[in-house]
Amino acid sequence: MKNILCLLEKYKTSFGYSKNMCRITGNTNFNSKKSIISRKCDKILKYYGLIKKEFPVEKKFIFGSYERGAEKEFSDIDVGVVLNLAAKNEIKISAKLWSLARKIDTSIEPFCIFKKDYDNHPKASILEDIINSRIDLTPALK
């Protein structure tokens, strides 16, 4: 189990998610981590809410310092999405993801993977490392 695990429950709002969505597990520094994570989780939820209105999202996940439990107050939030789209307009799609992120918080760092690349990524690659270490939020954000 990860050091920090954001469990995102269903909202009763227009997002379809709950504000009471973060629980921290396996962390001895519970109170300080809880404060950091709870502030960031609302932002993650809002961001995924915007993305799902624009794109066919297959998977949603976090990675990086939040996945490792090494985040600080001013850490960026590495969020990933697997999109079920042909990789034709990669630059436009990536620009849109960044634009949506900036509407929520400048610390959100989107990472887009197209389903074809996700399913057929090379072993021993950065993408493989991200996929193997990510915290998958897909089941919680249906």
N, C-alpha and C. Protein backbone atom coordinates (compact mmCIF):
# COMPACT_ATOMS: atom_id res chain seq x y z
N MET A 1 0.84 -1.18 0.00
CA MET A 1 0.00 0.00 0.00
C MET A 1 0.88 1.24 0.00
N LYS A 2 0.45 2.29 -0.64
CA LYS A 2 1.21 3.52 -0.75
C LYS A 2 1.30 4.22 0.61
N ASN A 3 2.31 5.09 0.78
CA ASN A 3 2.42 5.88 2.00
C ASN A 3 1.21 6.77 2.17
N ILE A 4 0.83 7.41 1.08
CA ILE A 4 -0.32 8.31 1.12
C ILE A 4 -1.31 7.82 0.08
N LEU A 5 -2.55 7.69 0.48
CA LEU A 5 -3.56 7.20 -0.44
C LEU A 5 -4.76 8.13 -0.39
N CYS A 6 -5.02 8.80 -1.49
CA CYS A 6 -6.21 9.64 -1.57
C CYS A 6 -7.36 8.76 -1.98
N LEU A 7 -8.31 8.59 -1.10
CA LEU A 7 -9.52 7.86 -1.44
C LEU A 7 -10.59 8.90 -1.73
N LEU A 8 -11.03 8.94 -2.96
CA LEU A 8 -11.96 9.97 -3.39
C LEU A 8 -13.35 9.39 -3.46
N GLU A 9 -14.23 9.88 -2.60
CA GLU A 9 -15.58 9.36 -2.53
C GLU A 9 -16.50 10.21 -3.39
N LYS A 10 -17.69 9.72 -3.64
CA LYS A 10 -18.64 10.42 -4.50
C LYS A 10 -19.07 11.75 -3.89
N TYR A 11 -19.04 12.79 -4.70
CA TYR A 11 -19.56 14.11 -4.30
C TYR A 11 -21.07 14.12 -4.45
N LYS A 12 -21.69 15.05 -3.81
CA LYS A 12 -23.11 15.31 -3.99
C LYS A 12 -23.29 16.59 -4.81
N THR A 13 -22.21 17.06 -5.43
CA THR A 13 -22.25 18.32 -6.17
C THR A 13 -22.23 18.05 -7.66
N SER A 14 -22.14 19.10 -8.43
CA SER A 14 -22.13 18.97 -9.89
C SER A 14 -20.91 18.22 -10.41
N PHE A 15 -19.87 18.12 -9.61
CA PHE A 15 -18.69 17.37 -10.03
C PHE A 15 -18.96 15.89 -10.02
N GLY A 16 -19.84 15.47 -9.12
CA GLY A 16 -20.04 14.05 -8.92
C GLY A 16 -19.06 13.48 -7.91
N TYR A 17 -18.41 14.33 -7.10
CA TYR A 17 -17.45 13.85 -6.10
C TYR A 17 -17.73 14.44 -4.73
N SER A 18 -17.08 13.95 -3.73
CA SER A 18 -17.28 14.38 -2.35
C SER A 18 -16.09 15.17 -1.82
N LYS A 19 -16.37 16.23 -1.06
CA LYS A 19 -15.28 17.02 -0.49
C LYS A 19 -14.58 16.26 0.63
N ASN A 20 -15.23 15.29 1.16
CA ASN A 20 -14.68 14.52 2.27
C ASN A 20 -13.94 13.31 1.71
N MET A 21 -12.96 13.54 0.84
CA MET A 21 -12.43 12.47 0.01
C MET A 21 -11.03 12.01 0.34
N CYS A 22 -10.35 12.63 1.24
CA CYS A 22 -8.95 12.23 1.44
C CYS A 22 -8.75 11.55 2.78
N ARG A 23 -8.06 10.43 2.73
CA ARG A 23 -7.66 9.73 3.94
C ARG A 23 -6.18 9.39 3.79
N ILE A 24 -5.44 9.57 4.82
CA ILE A 24 -4.00 9.28 4.75
C ILE A 24 -3.73 8.02 5.55
N THR A 25 -2.98 7.13 4.96
CA THR A 25 -2.69 5.86 5.63
C THR A 25 -1.19 5.64 5.68
N GLY A 26 -0.77 4.94 6.68
CA GLY A 26 0.63 4.53 6.78
C GLY A 26 1.60 5.67 6.93
N ASN A 27 1.18 6.77 7.54
CA ASN A 27 2.04 7.93 7.62
C ASN A 27 2.19 8.36 9.07
N THR A 28 3.42 8.41 9.57
CA THR A 28 3.65 8.81 10.95
C THR A 28 3.48 10.31 11.15
N ASN A 29 3.59 11.08 10.10
CA ASN A 29 3.46 12.53 10.16
C ASN A 29 2.04 12.91 9.76
N PHE A 30 1.05 12.26 10.35
CA PHE A 30 -0.34 12.34 9.90
C PHE A 30 -0.89 13.75 9.83
N ASN A 31 -0.77 14.55 10.87
CA ASN A 31 -1.42 15.86 10.89
C ASN A 31 -0.88 16.82 9.85
N SER A 32 0.44 16.91 9.69
CA SER A 32 0.97 17.83 8.69
C SER A 32 0.66 17.34 7.28
N LYS A 33 0.77 16.03 7.04
CA LYS A 33 0.44 15.49 5.73
C LYS A 33 -1.04 15.65 5.43
N LYS A 34 -1.88 15.45 6.45
CA LYS A 34 -3.32 15.57 6.26
C LYS A 34 -3.68 16.97 5.80
N SER A 35 -3.07 17.95 6.40
CA SER A 35 -3.34 19.34 6.04
C SER A 35 -2.95 19.63 4.60
N ILE A 36 -1.77 19.18 4.20
CA ILE A 36 -1.31 19.40 2.82
C ILE A 36 -2.21 18.67 1.84
N ILE A 37 -2.46 17.39 2.09
CA ILE A 37 -3.23 16.57 1.16
C ILE A 37 -4.66 17.05 1.04
N SER A 38 -5.30 17.37 2.15
CA SER A 38 -6.71 17.75 2.06
C SER A 38 -6.90 19.02 1.25
N ARG A 39 -5.95 19.95 1.33
CA ARG A 39 -6.04 21.17 0.50
C ARG A 39 -5.87 20.83 -0.98
N LYS A 40 -5.00 19.90 -1.27
CA LYS A 40 -4.72 19.56 -2.67
C LYS A 40 -5.78 18.65 -3.29
N CYS A 41 -6.40 17.80 -2.50
CA CYS A 41 -7.36 16.85 -3.05
C CYS A 41 -8.56 17.53 -3.69
N ASP A 42 -9.05 18.61 -3.09
CA ASP A 42 -10.15 19.35 -3.72
C ASP A 42 -9.73 19.84 -5.10
N LYS A 43 -8.49 20.29 -5.21
CA LYS A 43 -8.00 20.78 -6.50
C LYS A 43 -7.90 19.65 -7.52
N ILE A 44 -7.43 18.50 -7.08
CA ILE A 44 -7.35 17.35 -7.97
C ILE A 44 -8.74 16.96 -8.46
N LEU A 45 -9.69 16.93 -7.55
CA LEU A 45 -11.07 16.58 -7.92
C LEU A 45 -11.65 17.57 -8.93
N LYS A 46 -11.44 18.84 -8.67
CA LYS A 46 -11.96 19.86 -9.59
C LYS A 46 -11.33 19.71 -10.97
N TYR A 47 -10.04 19.46 -10.99
CA TYR A 47 -9.34 19.30 -12.26
C TYR A 47 -9.89 18.10 -13.03
N TYR A 48 -10.01 16.96 -12.38
CA TYR A 48 -10.56 15.79 -13.06
C TYR A 48 -12.01 16.03 -13.50
N GLY A 49 -12.75 16.82 -12.73
CA GLY A 49 -14.11 17.18 -13.13
C GLY A 49 -14.13 17.95 -14.43
N LEU A 50 -13.19 18.87 -14.60
CA LEU A 50 -13.10 19.64 -15.85
C LEU A 50 -12.66 18.75 -17.02
N ILE A 51 -11.69 17.89 -16.77
CA ILE A 51 -11.17 17.03 -17.84
C ILE A 51 -12.25 16.11 -18.38
N LYS A 52 -13.03 15.52 -17.49
CA LYS A 52 -14.02 14.54 -17.95
C LYS A 52 -15.12 15.17 -18.78
N LYS A 53 -15.29 16.48 -18.67
CA LYS A 53 -16.26 17.19 -19.51
C LYS A 53 -15.73 17.38 -20.93
N GLU A 54 -14.42 17.33 -21.09
CA GLU A 54 -13.77 17.62 -22.37
C GLU A 54 -13.29 16.39 -23.13
N PHE A 55 -12.89 15.36 -22.40
CA PHE A 55 -12.21 14.23 -23.03
C PHE A 55 -12.74 12.88 -22.54
N PRO A 56 -12.61 11.83 -23.38
CA PRO A 56 -12.96 10.48 -22.93
C PRO A 56 -11.81 9.89 -22.10
N VAL A 57 -11.92 9.99 -20.81
CA VAL A 57 -10.85 9.59 -19.90
C VAL A 57 -11.00 8.12 -19.52
N GLU A 58 -9.95 7.34 -19.74
CA GLU A 58 -9.93 5.91 -19.38
C GLU A 58 -9.41 5.70 -17.96
N LYS A 59 -8.35 6.42 -17.60
CA LYS A 59 -7.73 6.26 -16.28
C LYS A 59 -7.31 7.62 -15.75
N LYS A 60 -7.33 7.72 -14.42
CA LYS A 60 -6.90 8.93 -13.72
C LYS A 60 -5.97 8.49 -12.60
N PHE A 61 -4.87 9.21 -12.42
CA PHE A 61 -3.93 8.81 -11.39
C PHE A 61 -3.06 9.98 -10.95
N ILE A 62 -2.42 9.81 -9.80
CA ILE A 62 -1.40 10.75 -9.37
C ILE A 62 -0.08 9.98 -9.28
N PHE A 63 1.01 10.72 -9.41
CA PHE A 63 2.33 10.12 -9.34
C PHE A 63 3.30 11.18 -8.81
N GLY A 64 4.55 10.86 -8.73
CA GLY A 64 5.53 11.83 -8.26
C GLY A 64 5.55 11.91 -6.74
N SER A 65 5.79 13.11 -6.22
CA SER A 65 5.97 13.27 -4.77
C SER A 65 4.72 12.88 -3.98
N TYR A 66 3.53 13.12 -4.52
CA TYR A 66 2.31 12.73 -3.80
C TYR A 66 2.16 11.21 -3.74
N GLU A 67 2.55 10.54 -4.78
CA GLU A 67 2.50 9.07 -4.79
C GLU A 67 3.51 8.50 -3.79
N ARG A 68 4.68 9.12 -3.71
CA ARG A 68 5.74 8.61 -2.82
C ARG A 68 5.55 9.02 -1.37
N GLY A 69 4.63 9.96 -1.11
CA GLY A 69 4.47 10.47 0.24
C GLY A 69 5.54 11.46 0.62
N ALA A 70 6.18 12.08 -0.37
CA ALA A 70 7.26 13.02 -0.13
C ALA A 70 6.88 14.47 -0.45
N GLU A 71 5.59 14.72 -0.58
CA GLU A 71 5.14 16.07 -0.95
C GLU A 71 5.35 17.06 0.18
N LYS A 72 5.58 18.29 -0.21
CA LYS A 72 5.69 19.42 0.71
C LYS A 72 4.54 20.38 0.39
N GLU A 73 4.43 21.43 1.17
CA GLU A 73 3.33 22.37 0.97
C GLU A 73 3.31 22.94 -0.45
N PHE A 74 4.49 23.22 -1.02
CA PHE A 74 4.53 23.85 -2.34
C PHE A 74 4.93 22.88 -3.46
N SER A 75 4.81 21.60 -3.23
CA SER A 75 5.10 20.61 -4.28
C SER A 75 4.10 20.73 -5.41
N ASP A 76 4.56 20.44 -6.62
CA ASP A 76 3.60 20.38 -7.72
C ASP A 76 2.79 19.09 -7.57
N ILE A 77 1.65 19.06 -8.23
CA ILE A 77 0.76 17.90 -8.17
C ILE A 77 0.82 17.22 -9.53
N ASP A 78 1.51 16.10 -9.61
CA ASP A 78 1.61 15.37 -10.87
C ASP A 78 0.36 14.53 -11.04
N VAL A 79 -0.48 14.93 -12.00
CA VAL A 79 -1.71 14.20 -12.27
C VAL A 79 -1.66 13.64 -13.68
N GLY A 80 -2.10 12.42 -13.83
CA GLY A 80 -2.07 11.79 -15.14
C GLY A 80 -3.45 11.37 -15.58
N VAL A 81 -3.61 11.36 -16.89
CA VAL A 81 -4.84 10.84 -17.49
C VAL A 81 -4.47 9.98 -18.68
N VAL A 82 -5.21 8.91 -18.84
CA VAL A 82 -5.11 8.10 -20.05
C VAL A 82 -6.36 8.42 -20.85
N LEU A 83 -6.15 8.96 -22.06
CA LEU A 83 -7.27 9.36 -22.90
C LEU A 83 -7.51 8.34 -24.00
N ASN A 84 -8.76 8.02 -24.21
CA ASN A 84 -9.14 7.09 -25.27
C ASN A 84 -9.39 7.89 -26.55
N LEU A 85 -8.30 8.42 -27.09
CA LEU A 85 -8.33 9.21 -28.32
C LEU A 85 -7.17 8.79 -29.21
N ALA A 86 -7.34 9.02 -30.50
CA ALA A 86 -6.21 8.82 -31.41
C ALA A 86 -5.21 9.94 -31.13
N ALA A 87 -3.94 9.63 -31.18
CA ALA A 87 -2.90 10.61 -30.88
C ALA A 87 -2.63 11.50 -32.09
N LYS A 88 -3.68 12.19 -32.56
CA LYS A 88 -3.53 13.04 -33.74
C LYS A 88 -3.19 14.48 -33.35
N ASN A 89 -3.87 14.99 -32.38
CA ASN A 89 -3.70 16.39 -31.98
C ASN A 89 -3.05 16.49 -30.61
N GLU A 90 -1.95 15.82 -30.45
CA GLU A 90 -1.30 15.74 -29.14
C GLU A 90 -1.00 17.11 -28.55
N ILE A 91 -0.51 18.01 -29.37
CA ILE A 91 -0.14 19.34 -28.86
C ILE A 91 -1.37 20.11 -28.42
N LYS A 92 -2.44 20.07 -29.21
CA LYS A 92 -3.67 20.77 -28.84
C LYS A 92 -4.29 20.18 -27.58
N ILE A 93 -4.29 18.86 -27.49
CA ILE A 93 -4.86 18.20 -26.32
C ILE A 93 -4.04 18.52 -25.08
N SER A 94 -2.74 18.46 -25.20
CA SER A 94 -1.86 18.78 -24.08
C SER A 94 -2.05 20.24 -23.65
N ALA A 95 -2.14 21.14 -24.61
CA ALA A 95 -2.36 22.56 -24.30
C ALA A 95 -3.68 22.75 -23.56
N LYS A 96 -4.71 22.03 -23.98
CA LYS A 96 -6.01 22.13 -23.32
C LYS A 96 -5.93 21.61 -21.88
N LEU A 97 -5.22 20.50 -21.67
CA LEU A 97 -5.05 19.97 -20.31
C LEU A 97 -4.33 20.98 -19.41
N TRP A 98 -3.31 21.63 -19.94
CA TRP A 98 -2.59 22.65 -19.17
C TRP A 98 -3.48 23.85 -18.90
N SER A 99 -4.27 24.24 -19.88
CA SER A 99 -5.19 25.37 -19.71
C SER A 99 -6.21 25.08 -18.61
N LEU A 100 -6.76 23.87 -18.62
CA LEU A 100 -7.71 23.48 -17.58
C LEU A 100 -7.04 23.45 -16.21
N ALA A 101 -5.81 22.97 -16.16
CA ALA A 101 -5.07 22.91 -14.89
C ALA A 101 -4.88 24.31 -14.32
N ARG A 102 -4.55 25.26 -15.16
CA ARG A 102 -4.30 26.64 -14.71
C ARG A 102 -5.57 27.30 -14.17
N LYS A 103 -6.73 26.82 -14.58
CA LYS A 103 -7.99 27.35 -14.05
C LYS A 103 -8.17 26.96 -12.58
N ILE A 104 -7.55 25.87 -12.19
CA ILE A 104 -7.69 25.35 -10.82
C ILE A 104 -6.53 25.78 -9.94
N ASP A 105 -5.30 25.49 -10.38
CA ASP A 105 -4.12 25.78 -9.55
C ASP A 105 -2.87 25.62 -10.42
N THR A 106 -1.96 26.57 -10.30
CA THR A 106 -0.74 26.51 -11.11
C THR A 106 0.20 25.39 -10.69
N SER A 107 -0.06 24.76 -9.55
CA SER A 107 0.81 23.66 -9.13
C SER A 107 0.42 22.33 -9.78
N ILE A 108 -0.70 22.28 -10.49
CA ILE A 108 -1.11 21.04 -11.16
C ILE A 108 -0.29 20.87 -12.43
N GLU A 109 0.36 19.73 -12.53
CA GLU A 109 1.20 19.39 -13.68
C GLU A 109 0.57 18.20 -14.40
N PRO A 110 -0.19 18.45 -15.48
CA PRO A 110 -0.86 17.34 -16.16
C PRO A 110 0.10 16.50 -17.00
N PHE A 111 -0.20 15.23 -17.06
CA PHE A 111 0.57 14.28 -17.88
C PHE A 111 -0.44 13.45 -18.65
N CYS A 112 -0.43 13.57 -19.96
CA CYS A 112 -1.39 12.88 -20.82
C CYS A 112 -0.74 11.68 -21.49
N ILE A 113 -1.45 10.57 -21.43
CA ILE A 113 -1.03 9.35 -22.12
C ILE A 113 -2.21 8.90 -22.97
N PHE A 114 -1.95 8.61 -24.21
CA PHE A 114 -3.01 8.09 -25.06
C PHE A 114 -3.12 6.58 -24.83
N LYS A 115 -4.34 6.08 -24.88
CA LYS A 115 -4.61 4.67 -24.55
C LYS A 115 -3.70 3.71 -25.31
N LYS A 116 -3.49 3.98 -26.58
CA LYS A 116 -2.63 3.11 -27.38
C LYS A 116 -1.22 3.05 -26.80
N ASP A 117 -0.69 4.20 -26.40
CA ASP A 117 0.65 4.24 -25.80
C ASP A 117 0.67 3.59 -24.42
N TYR A 118 -0.39 3.78 -23.67
CA TYR A 118 -0.50 3.18 -22.34
C TYR A 118 -0.49 1.65 -22.44
N ASP A 119 -1.27 1.13 -23.39
CA ASP A 119 -1.38 -0.32 -23.55
C ASP A 119 -0.12 -0.96 -24.15
N ASN A 120 0.64 -0.18 -24.92
CA ASN A 120 1.80 -0.75 -25.64
C ASN A 120 3.10 -0.01 -25.34
N HIS A 121 3.28 0.44 -24.11
CA HIS A 121 4.49 1.18 -23.77
C HIS A 121 5.69 0.24 -23.66
N PRO A 122 6.87 0.76 -23.97
CA PRO A 122 8.07 -0.07 -23.84
C PRO A 122 8.43 -0.30 -22.37
N LYS A 123 8.92 -1.47 -22.09
CA LYS A 123 9.40 -1.78 -20.74
C LYS A 123 10.68 -0.97 -20.51
N ALA A 124 11.04 -0.79 -19.28
CA ALA A 124 12.24 -0.02 -18.92
C ALA A 124 12.19 1.40 -19.47
N SER A 125 11.02 2.03 -19.36
CA SER A 125 10.87 3.41 -19.81
C SER A 125 10.33 4.26 -18.65
N ILE A 126 10.38 5.56 -18.80
CA ILE A 126 9.81 6.45 -17.79
C ILE A 126 8.32 6.18 -17.63
N LEU A 127 7.65 5.96 -18.75
CA LEU A 127 6.22 5.65 -18.70
C LEU A 127 5.96 4.38 -17.89
N GLU A 128 6.79 3.39 -18.05
CA GLU A 128 6.67 2.15 -17.27
C GLU A 128 6.82 2.44 -15.78
N ASP A 129 7.79 3.28 -15.42
CA ASP A 129 7.98 3.65 -14.01
C ASP A 129 6.75 4.35 -13.45
N ILE A 130 6.20 5.28 -14.22
CA ILE A 130 5.01 6.02 -13.77
C ILE A 130 3.83 5.06 -13.60
N ILE A 131 3.61 4.20 -14.57
CA ILE A 131 2.49 3.26 -14.52
C ILE A 131 2.62 2.31 -13.33
N ASN A 132 3.83 1.85 -13.06
CA ASN A 132 4.03 0.90 -11.96
C ASN A 132 3.93 1.54 -10.58
N SER A 133 4.19 2.84 -10.48
CA SER A 133 4.22 3.47 -9.16
C SER A 133 3.02 4.38 -8.88
N ARG A 134 2.17 4.59 -9.83
CA ARG A 134 1.07 5.55 -9.68
C ARG A 134 0.05 5.11 -8.63
N ILE A 135 -0.71 6.08 -8.14
CA ILE A 135 -1.90 5.79 -7.33
C ILE A 135 -3.08 5.97 -8.27
N ASP A 136 -3.72 4.88 -8.59
CA ASP A 136 -4.83 4.89 -9.55
C ASP A 136 -6.08 5.42 -8.86
N LEU A 137 -6.62 6.51 -9.38
CA LEU A 137 -7.83 7.11 -8.82
C LEU A 137 -9.07 6.74 -9.62
N THR A 138 -8.90 5.99 -10.69
CA THR A 138 -10.01 5.67 -11.60
C THR A 138 -11.20 5.04 -10.88
N PRO A 139 -11.01 4.00 -10.05
CA PRO A 139 -12.19 3.40 -9.40
C PRO A 139 -12.95 4.38 -8.51
N ALA A 140 -12.23 5.28 -7.86
CA ALA A 140 -12.87 6.23 -6.95
C ALA A 140 -13.54 7.38 -7.67
N LEU A 141 -13.18 7.60 -8.92
CA LEU A 141 -13.70 8.76 -9.65
C LEU A 141 -14.65 8.38 -10.78
N LYS A 142 -15.32 7.29 -10.69
CA LYS A 142 -16.27 6.87 -11.73
C LYS A 142 -17.47 7.76 -11.73
